[in-house]
């Protein structure tokens, strides 16, 4: 793609659910992510007869599509599934480690060519440092961003 961005092709699986308990949806999300989904999300929708419902969306690659489709049908109340191949435009990702007063934190960088456009401390790394130090995760997150900026 012009301009230094990366692209790839992924599959979006979607279904509308008006009869699936929230606890079941949460468990399904965990299983889908564990089985290789690139992303999973829910959106509130309204279906026929004015029923409130949830739209389940899953991004995946070709290698995991069959297993994720099976999981959706087994773990939710879905009777049907929409499938669409889509192209993503994305930043190249690189990981670095920064030193903070709370310990080392992994930071994800989003790059367009060689230019850093996004800096995002990894949540798991921040949470572990927060638990160890007794500080709020937000404080560790902010310290990691500041540490990355100071190095640059």
N, C-alpha and C. Protein backbone atom coordinates (compact mmCIF):
# COMPACT_ATOMS: atom_id res chain seq x y z
N UNK A 1 0.85 -1.18 0.00
CA UNK A 1 0.00 0.00 0.00
C UNK A 1 0.89 1.24 0.00
N UNK A 2 0.53 2.25 -0.74
CA UNK A 2 1.32 3.48 -0.76
C UNK A 2 1.38 4.13 0.61
N UNK A 3 2.43 4.86 0.84
CA UNK A 3 2.52 5.64 2.06
C UNK A 3 3.19 4.94 3.23
N UNK A 4 3.72 3.75 3.04
CA UNK A 4 4.45 3.09 4.11
C UNK A 4 3.63 2.24 5.06
N UNK A 5 2.35 2.10 4.81
CA UNK A 5 1.52 1.26 5.66
C UNK A 5 1.60 -0.19 5.19
N UNK A 6 1.35 -1.11 6.10
CA UNK A 6 1.28 -2.53 5.76
C UNK A 6 -0.18 -2.91 5.54
N UNK A 7 -0.40 -3.96 4.80
CA UNK A 7 -1.75 -4.50 4.63
C UNK A 7 -1.71 -6.01 4.79
N UNK A 8 -2.84 -6.57 5.16
CA UNK A 8 -3.01 -8.01 5.13
C UNK A 8 -4.49 -8.30 4.92
N UNK A 9 -4.79 -9.55 4.72
CA UNK A 9 -6.17 -9.98 4.52
C UNK A 9 -6.58 -10.86 5.68
N UNK A 10 -7.73 -10.56 6.25
CA UNK A 10 -8.25 -11.33 7.36
C UNK A 10 -9.72 -11.66 7.08
N UNK A 11 -10.27 -12.51 7.90
CA UNK A 11 -11.67 -12.92 7.77
C UNK A 11 -12.43 -12.39 8.97
N UNK A 12 -13.60 -11.81 8.70
CA UNK A 12 -14.49 -11.37 9.78
C UNK A 12 -15.69 -12.31 9.82
N UNK A 13 -15.87 -12.94 10.98
CA UNK A 13 -17.03 -13.79 11.23
C UNK A 13 -17.98 -13.00 12.13
N UNK A 14 -19.28 -13.00 11.80
CA UNK A 14 -20.25 -12.25 12.61
C UNK A 14 -21.55 -13.02 12.75
N UNK A 15 -22.17 -12.83 13.89
CA UNK A 15 -23.50 -13.37 14.13
C UNK A 15 -24.24 -12.47 15.10
N UNK A 16 -25.55 -12.42 14.98
CA UNK A 16 -26.41 -11.65 15.87
C UNK A 16 -27.04 -12.60 16.87
N UNK A 17 -26.97 -12.27 18.15
CA UNK A 17 -27.45 -13.16 19.20
C UNK A 17 -28.43 -12.40 20.10
N UNK A 18 -29.69 -12.87 20.15
CA UNK A 18 -30.68 -12.22 21.00
C UNK A 18 -31.13 -13.11 22.16
N UNK A 19 -30.46 -14.23 22.31
CA UNK A 19 -30.89 -15.18 23.35
C UNK A 19 -29.71 -15.84 24.06
N UNK A 20 -28.59 -15.14 24.08
CA UNK A 20 -27.38 -15.73 24.66
C UNK A 20 -26.98 -14.95 25.92
N UNK A 21 -26.93 -15.61 27.06
CA UNK A 21 -26.58 -14.92 28.31
C UNK A 21 -25.17 -14.32 28.27
N UNK A 22 -25.01 -13.22 28.97
CA UNK A 22 -23.73 -12.50 29.00
C UNK A 22 -22.59 -13.38 29.47
N UNK A 23 -22.84 -14.23 30.46
CA UNK A 23 -21.77 -15.10 30.97
C UNK A 23 -21.28 -16.06 29.89
N UNK A 24 -22.20 -16.54 29.07
CA UNK A 24 -21.84 -17.45 27.97
C UNK A 24 -21.01 -16.69 26.93
N UNK A 25 -21.42 -15.45 26.65
CA UNK A 25 -20.66 -14.64 25.69
C UNK A 25 -19.24 -14.39 26.18
N UNK A 26 -19.09 -14.08 27.46
CA UNK A 26 -17.76 -13.85 28.01
C UNK A 26 -16.88 -15.09 27.90
N UNK A 27 -17.46 -16.24 28.22
CA UNK A 27 -16.70 -17.49 28.11
C UNK A 27 -16.33 -17.79 26.66
N UNK A 28 -17.26 -17.51 25.74
CA UNK A 28 -16.98 -17.73 24.32
C UNK A 28 -15.85 -16.83 23.84
N UNK A 29 -15.84 -15.58 24.30
CA UNK A 29 -14.77 -14.67 23.91
C UNK A 29 -13.42 -15.20 24.35
N UNK A 30 -13.33 -15.67 25.59
CA UNK A 30 -12.08 -16.22 26.09
C UNK A 30 -11.62 -17.40 25.24
N UNK A 31 -12.54 -18.30 24.91
CA UNK A 31 -12.18 -19.47 24.11
C UNK A 31 -11.77 -19.08 22.69
N UNK A 32 -12.46 -18.12 22.11
CA UNK A 32 -12.11 -17.69 20.75
C UNK A 32 -10.71 -17.07 20.72
N UNK A 33 -10.39 -16.24 21.69
CA UNK A 33 -9.05 -15.64 21.73
C UNK A 33 -7.98 -16.71 21.98
N UNK A 34 -8.28 -17.64 22.86
CA UNK A 34 -7.32 -18.72 23.14
C UNK A 34 -7.11 -19.61 21.93
N UNK A 35 -8.12 -19.71 21.07
CA UNK A 35 -8.03 -20.57 19.88
C UNK A 35 -7.42 -19.85 18.68
N UNK A 36 -6.98 -18.60 18.87
CA UNK A 36 -6.26 -17.92 17.80
C UNK A 36 -6.97 -16.77 17.12
N UNK A 37 -8.13 -16.35 17.63
CA UNK A 37 -8.79 -15.18 17.04
C UNK A 37 -7.86 -13.97 17.16
N UNK A 38 -7.81 -13.15 16.14
CA UNK A 38 -6.99 -11.95 16.17
C UNK A 38 -7.66 -10.87 17.02
N UNK A 39 -8.99 -10.86 17.02
CA UNK A 39 -9.75 -9.93 17.84
C UNK A 39 -11.17 -10.46 17.95
N UNK A 40 -11.82 -10.13 19.06
CA UNK A 40 -13.21 -10.51 19.31
C UNK A 40 -13.88 -9.32 19.96
N UNK A 41 -15.09 -8.97 19.50
CA UNK A 41 -15.81 -7.88 20.14
C UNK A 41 -17.31 -8.09 20.04
N UNK A 42 -18.01 -7.37 20.90
CA UNK A 42 -19.47 -7.40 20.94
C UNK A 42 -19.98 -5.99 20.71
N UNK A 43 -21.08 -5.86 19.98
CA UNK A 43 -21.73 -4.56 19.78
C UNK A 43 -23.22 -4.72 20.06
N UNK A 44 -23.79 -3.78 20.81
CA UNK A 44 -25.22 -3.86 21.06
C UNK A 44 -26.00 -3.52 19.78
N UNK A 45 -27.01 -4.31 19.49
CA UNK A 45 -27.85 -4.08 18.31
C UNK A 45 -29.31 -4.31 18.69
N UNK A 46 -30.21 -3.97 17.78
CA UNK A 46 -31.62 -4.25 17.97
C UNK A 46 -32.07 -5.09 16.79
N UNK A 47 -32.73 -6.19 17.08
CA UNK A 47 -33.17 -7.11 16.04
C UNK A 47 -34.68 -6.97 15.80
N UNK A 48 -35.19 -7.85 14.94
CA UNK A 48 -36.62 -7.79 14.64
C UNK A 48 -37.44 -7.91 15.91
N UNK A 49 -38.64 -7.46 15.84
CA UNK A 49 -39.57 -7.45 16.97
C UNK A 49 -39.02 -6.63 18.13
N UNK A 50 -38.12 -5.69 17.82
CA UNK A 50 -37.55 -4.75 18.78
C UNK A 50 -36.77 -5.43 19.90
N UNK A 51 -36.19 -6.58 19.61
CA UNK A 51 -35.42 -7.29 20.64
C UNK A 51 -34.00 -6.75 20.73
N UNK A 52 -33.55 -6.42 21.95
CA UNK A 52 -32.14 -6.06 22.11
C UNK A 52 -31.29 -7.31 21.90
N UNK A 53 -30.13 -7.11 21.33
CA UNK A 53 -29.26 -8.25 21.03
C UNK A 53 -27.80 -7.79 21.01
N UNK A 54 -26.94 -8.74 20.74
CA UNK A 54 -25.50 -8.49 20.66
C UNK A 54 -25.00 -9.04 19.33
N UNK A 55 -24.17 -8.26 18.66
CA UNK A 55 -23.49 -8.76 17.47
C UNK A 55 -22.10 -9.21 17.90
N UNK A 56 -21.80 -10.47 17.68
CA UNK A 56 -20.48 -11.04 17.95
C UNK A 56 -19.67 -10.95 16.66
N UNK A 57 -18.50 -10.34 16.74
CA UNK A 57 -17.60 -10.23 15.60
C UNK A 57 -16.25 -10.82 15.96
N UNK A 58 -15.67 -11.56 15.02
CA UNK A 58 -14.39 -12.22 15.24
C UNK A 58 -13.52 -11.98 14.02
N UNK A 59 -12.29 -11.53 14.25
CA UNK A 59 -11.31 -11.46 13.17
C UNK A 59 -10.37 -12.65 13.29
N UNK A 60 -10.09 -13.27 12.14
CA UNK A 60 -9.20 -14.44 12.16
C UNK A 60 -8.48 -14.56 10.83
N UNK A 61 -7.56 -15.50 10.77
CA UNK A 61 -6.89 -15.79 9.51
C UNK A 61 -7.42 -17.12 8.97
N UNK A 62 -6.98 -17.47 7.78
CA UNK A 62 -7.45 -18.71 7.14
C UNK A 62 -7.20 -19.93 8.02
N UNK A 63 -6.06 -19.96 8.68
CA UNK A 63 -5.66 -21.14 9.45
C UNK A 63 -6.57 -21.42 10.63
N UNK A 64 -7.20 -20.39 11.20
CA UNK A 64 -8.03 -20.59 12.39
C UNK A 64 -9.54 -20.50 12.11
N UNK A 65 -9.91 -20.16 10.89
CA UNK A 65 -11.33 -19.93 10.59
C UNK A 65 -12.21 -21.13 10.92
N UNK A 66 -11.83 -22.31 10.51
CA UNK A 66 -12.68 -23.49 10.75
C UNK A 66 -12.87 -23.75 12.24
N UNK A 67 -11.80 -23.69 13.00
CA UNK A 67 -11.89 -23.94 14.44
C UNK A 67 -12.73 -22.87 15.14
N UNK A 68 -12.59 -21.62 14.73
CA UNK A 68 -13.35 -20.54 15.35
C UNK A 68 -14.83 -20.62 14.98
N UNK A 69 -15.10 -21.00 13.75
CA UNK A 69 -16.50 -21.20 13.33
C UNK A 69 -17.13 -22.28 14.20
N UNK A 70 -16.43 -23.37 14.39
CA UNK A 70 -16.92 -24.48 15.22
C UNK A 70 -17.18 -24.00 16.66
N UNK A 71 -16.25 -23.22 17.20
CA UNK A 71 -16.42 -22.70 18.56
C UNK A 71 -17.66 -21.81 18.67
N UNK A 72 -17.87 -20.95 17.70
CA UNK A 72 -19.03 -20.06 17.75
C UNK A 72 -20.32 -20.87 17.79
N UNK A 73 -20.42 -21.88 16.93
CA UNK A 73 -21.64 -22.69 16.92
C UNK A 73 -21.80 -23.53 18.18
N UNK A 74 -20.72 -24.01 18.75
CA UNK A 74 -20.80 -24.86 19.94
C UNK A 74 -20.96 -24.06 21.23
N UNK A 75 -20.36 -22.87 21.29
CA UNK A 75 -20.31 -22.12 22.55
C UNK A 75 -21.34 -21.00 22.66
N UNK A 76 -22.03 -20.67 21.58
CA UNK A 76 -23.07 -19.62 21.64
C UNK A 76 -24.39 -20.20 21.15
N UNK A 77 -25.38 -19.35 21.05
CA UNK A 77 -26.70 -19.78 20.56
C UNK A 77 -26.87 -19.50 19.07
N UNK A 78 -25.77 -19.28 18.35
CA UNK A 78 -25.82 -18.93 16.93
C UNK A 78 -26.41 -20.05 16.08
N UNK A 79 -27.24 -19.65 15.13
CA UNK A 79 -27.78 -20.56 14.12
C UNK A 79 -27.18 -20.27 12.75
N UNK A 80 -26.52 -19.14 12.62
CA UNK A 80 -25.93 -18.75 11.34
C UNK A 80 -24.76 -17.83 11.58
N UNK A 81 -23.94 -17.70 10.56
CA UNK A 81 -22.71 -16.93 10.68
C UNK A 81 -22.45 -16.24 9.35
N UNK A 82 -22.12 -14.96 9.39
CA UNK A 82 -21.70 -14.25 8.18
C UNK A 82 -20.18 -14.30 8.11
N UNK A 83 -19.66 -14.41 6.89
CA UNK A 83 -18.21 -14.48 6.68
C UNK A 83 -17.83 -13.48 5.61
N UNK A 84 -16.81 -12.69 5.89
CA UNK A 84 -16.37 -11.70 4.93
C UNK A 84 -14.84 -11.62 4.96
N UNK A 85 -14.23 -11.59 3.78
CA UNK A 85 -12.79 -11.38 3.69
C UNK A 85 -12.57 -9.88 3.57
N UNK A 86 -11.71 -9.36 4.43
CA UNK A 86 -11.45 -7.92 4.43
C UNK A 86 -9.96 -7.65 4.40
N UNK A 87 -9.60 -6.48 3.92
CA UNK A 87 -8.21 -6.04 3.89
C UNK A 87 -8.01 -5.04 5.02
N UNK A 88 -6.97 -5.25 5.80
CA UNK A 88 -6.61 -4.32 6.87
C UNK A 88 -5.44 -3.46 6.43
N UNK A 89 -5.47 -2.22 6.82
CA UNK A 89 -4.32 -1.33 6.69
C UNK A 89 -3.81 -1.16 8.11
N UNK A 90 -2.52 -1.36 8.30
CA UNK A 90 -2.01 -1.36 9.67
C UNK A 90 -0.59 -0.81 9.74
N UNK A 91 -0.23 -0.47 10.95
CA UNK A 91 1.14 -0.06 11.23
C UNK A 91 1.99 -1.29 11.49
N UNK A 92 3.25 -1.22 11.10
CA UNK A 92 4.19 -2.28 11.43
C UNK A 92 4.44 -2.20 12.94
N UNK A 93 4.54 -3.34 13.59
CA UNK A 93 4.72 -3.37 15.04
C UNK A 93 6.13 -3.78 15.40
N UNK A 94 6.63 -3.14 16.46
CA UNK A 94 7.93 -3.49 17.02
C UNK A 94 7.82 -3.35 18.54
N UNK A 95 8.49 -4.22 19.25
CA UNK A 95 8.46 -4.19 20.70
C UNK A 95 9.82 -3.78 21.24
N UNK A 96 9.79 -2.93 22.27
CA UNK A 96 11.01 -2.51 22.96
C UNK A 96 10.75 -2.60 24.45
N UNK A 97 11.83 -2.61 25.21
CA UNK A 97 11.73 -2.62 26.67
C UNK A 97 12.28 -1.30 27.19
N UNK A 98 11.55 -0.69 28.11
CA UNK A 98 12.01 0.55 28.72
C UNK A 98 12.15 0.34 30.22
N UNK A 99 13.10 1.07 30.81
CA UNK A 99 13.32 0.99 32.26
C UNK A 99 12.51 2.09 32.93
N UNK A 100 11.74 1.69 33.95
CA UNK A 100 10.98 2.66 34.74
C UNK A 100 11.32 2.44 36.21
N UNK A 101 10.84 3.31 37.06
CA UNK A 101 11.03 3.15 38.50
C UNK A 101 10.32 1.91 39.02
N UNK A 102 9.42 1.34 38.21
CA UNK A 102 8.66 0.15 38.60
C UNK A 102 9.22 -1.13 37.99
N UNK A 103 10.32 -1.00 37.26
CA UNK A 103 10.93 -2.15 36.59
C UNK A 103 10.84 -1.99 35.08
N UNK A 104 11.28 -3.02 34.38
CA UNK A 104 11.25 -2.97 32.92
C UNK A 104 9.85 -3.24 32.41
N UNK A 105 9.44 -2.46 31.40
CA UNK A 105 8.11 -2.55 30.82
C UNK A 105 8.27 -2.72 29.31
N UNK A 106 7.50 -3.64 28.74
CA UNK A 106 7.48 -3.82 27.29
C UNK A 106 6.54 -2.79 26.67
N UNK A 107 7.02 -2.16 25.61
CA UNK A 107 6.26 -1.14 24.90
C UNK A 107 6.11 -1.56 23.45
N UNK A 108 4.88 -1.47 22.93
CA UNK A 108 4.61 -1.78 21.52
C UNK A 108 4.64 -0.49 20.73
N UNK A 109 5.40 -0.49 19.64
CA UNK A 109 5.50 0.67 18.77
C UNK A 109 4.77 0.37 17.46
N UNK A 110 4.04 1.35 16.97
CA UNK A 110 3.39 1.27 15.67
C UNK A 110 4.12 2.18 14.70
N UNK A 111 4.67 1.59 13.64
CA UNK A 111 5.52 2.34 12.72
C UNK A 111 4.93 2.43 11.32
N UNK A 112 5.08 3.60 10.73
CA UNK A 112 4.82 3.81 9.30
C UNK A 112 6.19 4.04 8.70
N UNK A 113 6.69 3.05 7.99
CA UNK A 113 8.09 3.10 7.55
C UNK A 113 8.97 3.05 8.78
N UNK A 114 9.80 4.08 8.97
CA UNK A 114 10.66 4.17 10.15
C UNK A 114 10.12 5.15 11.19
N UNK A 115 8.98 5.78 10.89
CA UNK A 115 8.41 6.78 11.79
C UNK A 115 7.47 6.12 12.82
N UNK A 116 7.71 6.40 14.09
CA UNK A 116 6.86 5.88 15.16
C UNK A 116 5.62 6.76 15.26
N UNK A 117 4.44 6.16 15.01
CA UNK A 117 3.19 6.90 15.11
C UNK A 117 2.43 6.58 16.40
N UNK A 118 2.65 5.39 16.96
CA UNK A 118 1.94 4.97 18.17
C UNK A 118 2.92 4.36 19.16
N UNK A 119 2.70 4.65 20.44
CA UNK A 119 3.48 4.05 21.51
C UNK A 119 2.48 3.54 22.54
N UNK A 120 2.50 2.23 22.79
CA UNK A 120 1.52 1.64 23.71
C UNK A 120 2.20 0.66 24.65
N UNK A 121 2.33 1.01 25.92
CA UNK A 121 2.85 0.04 26.87
C UNK A 121 1.96 -1.21 26.90
N UNK A 122 2.58 -2.37 26.98
CA UNK A 122 1.82 -3.62 27.02
C UNK A 122 1.13 -3.77 28.38
N UNK A 123 -0.15 -4.01 28.35
CA UNK A 123 -0.94 -4.06 29.57
C UNK A 123 -0.43 -5.12 30.54
N UNK A 124 -0.14 -6.32 30.05
CA UNK A 124 0.30 -7.40 30.95
C UNK A 124 1.59 -7.01 31.67
N UNK A 125 2.49 -6.36 30.96
CA UNK A 125 3.75 -5.92 31.55
C UNK A 125 3.50 -4.84 32.61
N UNK A 126 2.61 -3.91 32.31
CA UNK A 126 2.26 -2.85 33.27
C UNK A 126 1.54 -3.42 34.49
N UNK A 127 0.64 -4.36 34.26
CA UNK A 127 -0.10 -4.95 35.37
C UNK A 127 0.84 -5.70 36.31
N UNK A 128 1.77 -6.45 35.76
CA UNK A 128 2.71 -7.19 36.60
C UNK A 128 3.55 -6.23 37.45
N UNK A 129 4.03 -5.15 36.84
CA UNK A 129 4.82 -4.17 37.58
C UNK A 129 3.97 -3.45 38.62
N UNK A 130 2.72 -3.18 38.29
CA UNK A 130 1.82 -2.52 39.24
C UNK A 130 1.55 -3.40 40.45
N UNK A 131 1.31 -4.68 40.21
CA UNK A 131 1.06 -5.61 41.32
C UNK A 131 2.28 -5.74 42.21
N UNK A 132 3.46 -5.77 41.60
CA UNK A 132 4.70 -5.90 42.36
C UNK A 132 5.00 -4.65 43.18
N UNK A 133 4.69 -3.47 42.60
CA UNK A 133 5.03 -2.21 43.26
C UNK A 133 3.91 -1.65 44.14
N UNK A 134 2.69 -2.16 43.95
CA UNK A 134 1.55 -1.64 44.70
C UNK A 134 0.99 -0.35 44.11
N UNK A 135 1.43 0.02 42.93
CA UNK A 135 0.95 1.23 42.27
C UNK A 135 -0.21 0.90 41.32
N UNK A 136 -1.06 1.88 41.01
CA UNK A 136 -2.11 1.65 40.01
C UNK A 136 -1.50 1.37 38.64
N UNK A 137 -2.17 0.55 37.85
CA UNK A 137 -1.69 0.22 36.51
C UNK A 137 -1.51 1.49 35.69
N UNK A 138 -2.41 2.45 35.84
CA UNK A 138 -2.35 3.71 35.08
C UNK A 138 -1.04 4.44 35.35
N UNK A 139 -0.57 4.43 36.58
CA UNK A 139 0.68 5.11 36.93
C UNK A 139 1.86 4.43 36.23
N UNK A 140 1.87 3.12 36.22
CA UNK A 140 2.95 2.37 35.55
C UNK A 140 2.88 2.60 34.04
N UNK A 141 1.67 2.59 33.49
CA UNK A 141 1.46 2.84 32.06
C UNK A 141 2.05 4.20 31.68
N UNK A 142 1.69 5.23 32.44
CA UNK A 142 2.20 6.58 32.15
C UNK A 142 3.71 6.65 32.29
N UNK A 143 4.27 5.97 33.28
CA UNK A 143 5.73 5.96 33.48
C UNK A 143 6.43 5.29 32.29
N UNK A 144 5.84 4.24 31.74
CA UNK A 144 6.44 3.55 30.59
C UNK A 144 6.44 4.45 29.36
N UNK A 145 5.33 5.16 29.13
CA UNK A 145 5.28 6.08 27.98
C UNK A 145 6.32 7.19 28.14
N UNK A 146 6.41 7.73 29.34
CA UNK A 146 7.38 8.79 29.61
C UNK A 146 8.80 8.28 29.43
N UNK A 147 9.09 7.07 29.89
CA UNK A 147 10.42 6.49 29.76
C UNK A 147 10.78 6.31 28.28
N UNK A 148 9.84 5.88 27.48
CA UNK A 148 10.11 5.70 26.05
C UNK A 148 10.43 7.06 25.41
N UNK A 149 9.68 8.09 25.75
CA UNK A 149 9.91 9.43 25.19
C UNK A 149 11.28 9.97 25.60
N UNK A 150 11.69 9.72 26.83
CA UNK A 150 12.98 10.23 27.32
C UNK A 150 14.15 9.59 26.57
N UNK A 151 14.00 8.32 26.22
CA UNK A 151 15.05 7.62 25.49
C UNK A 151 15.16 8.18 24.07
N UNK A 152 14.06 8.63 23.52
CA UNK A 152 14.05 9.16 22.15
C UNK A 152 14.40 10.61 22.18
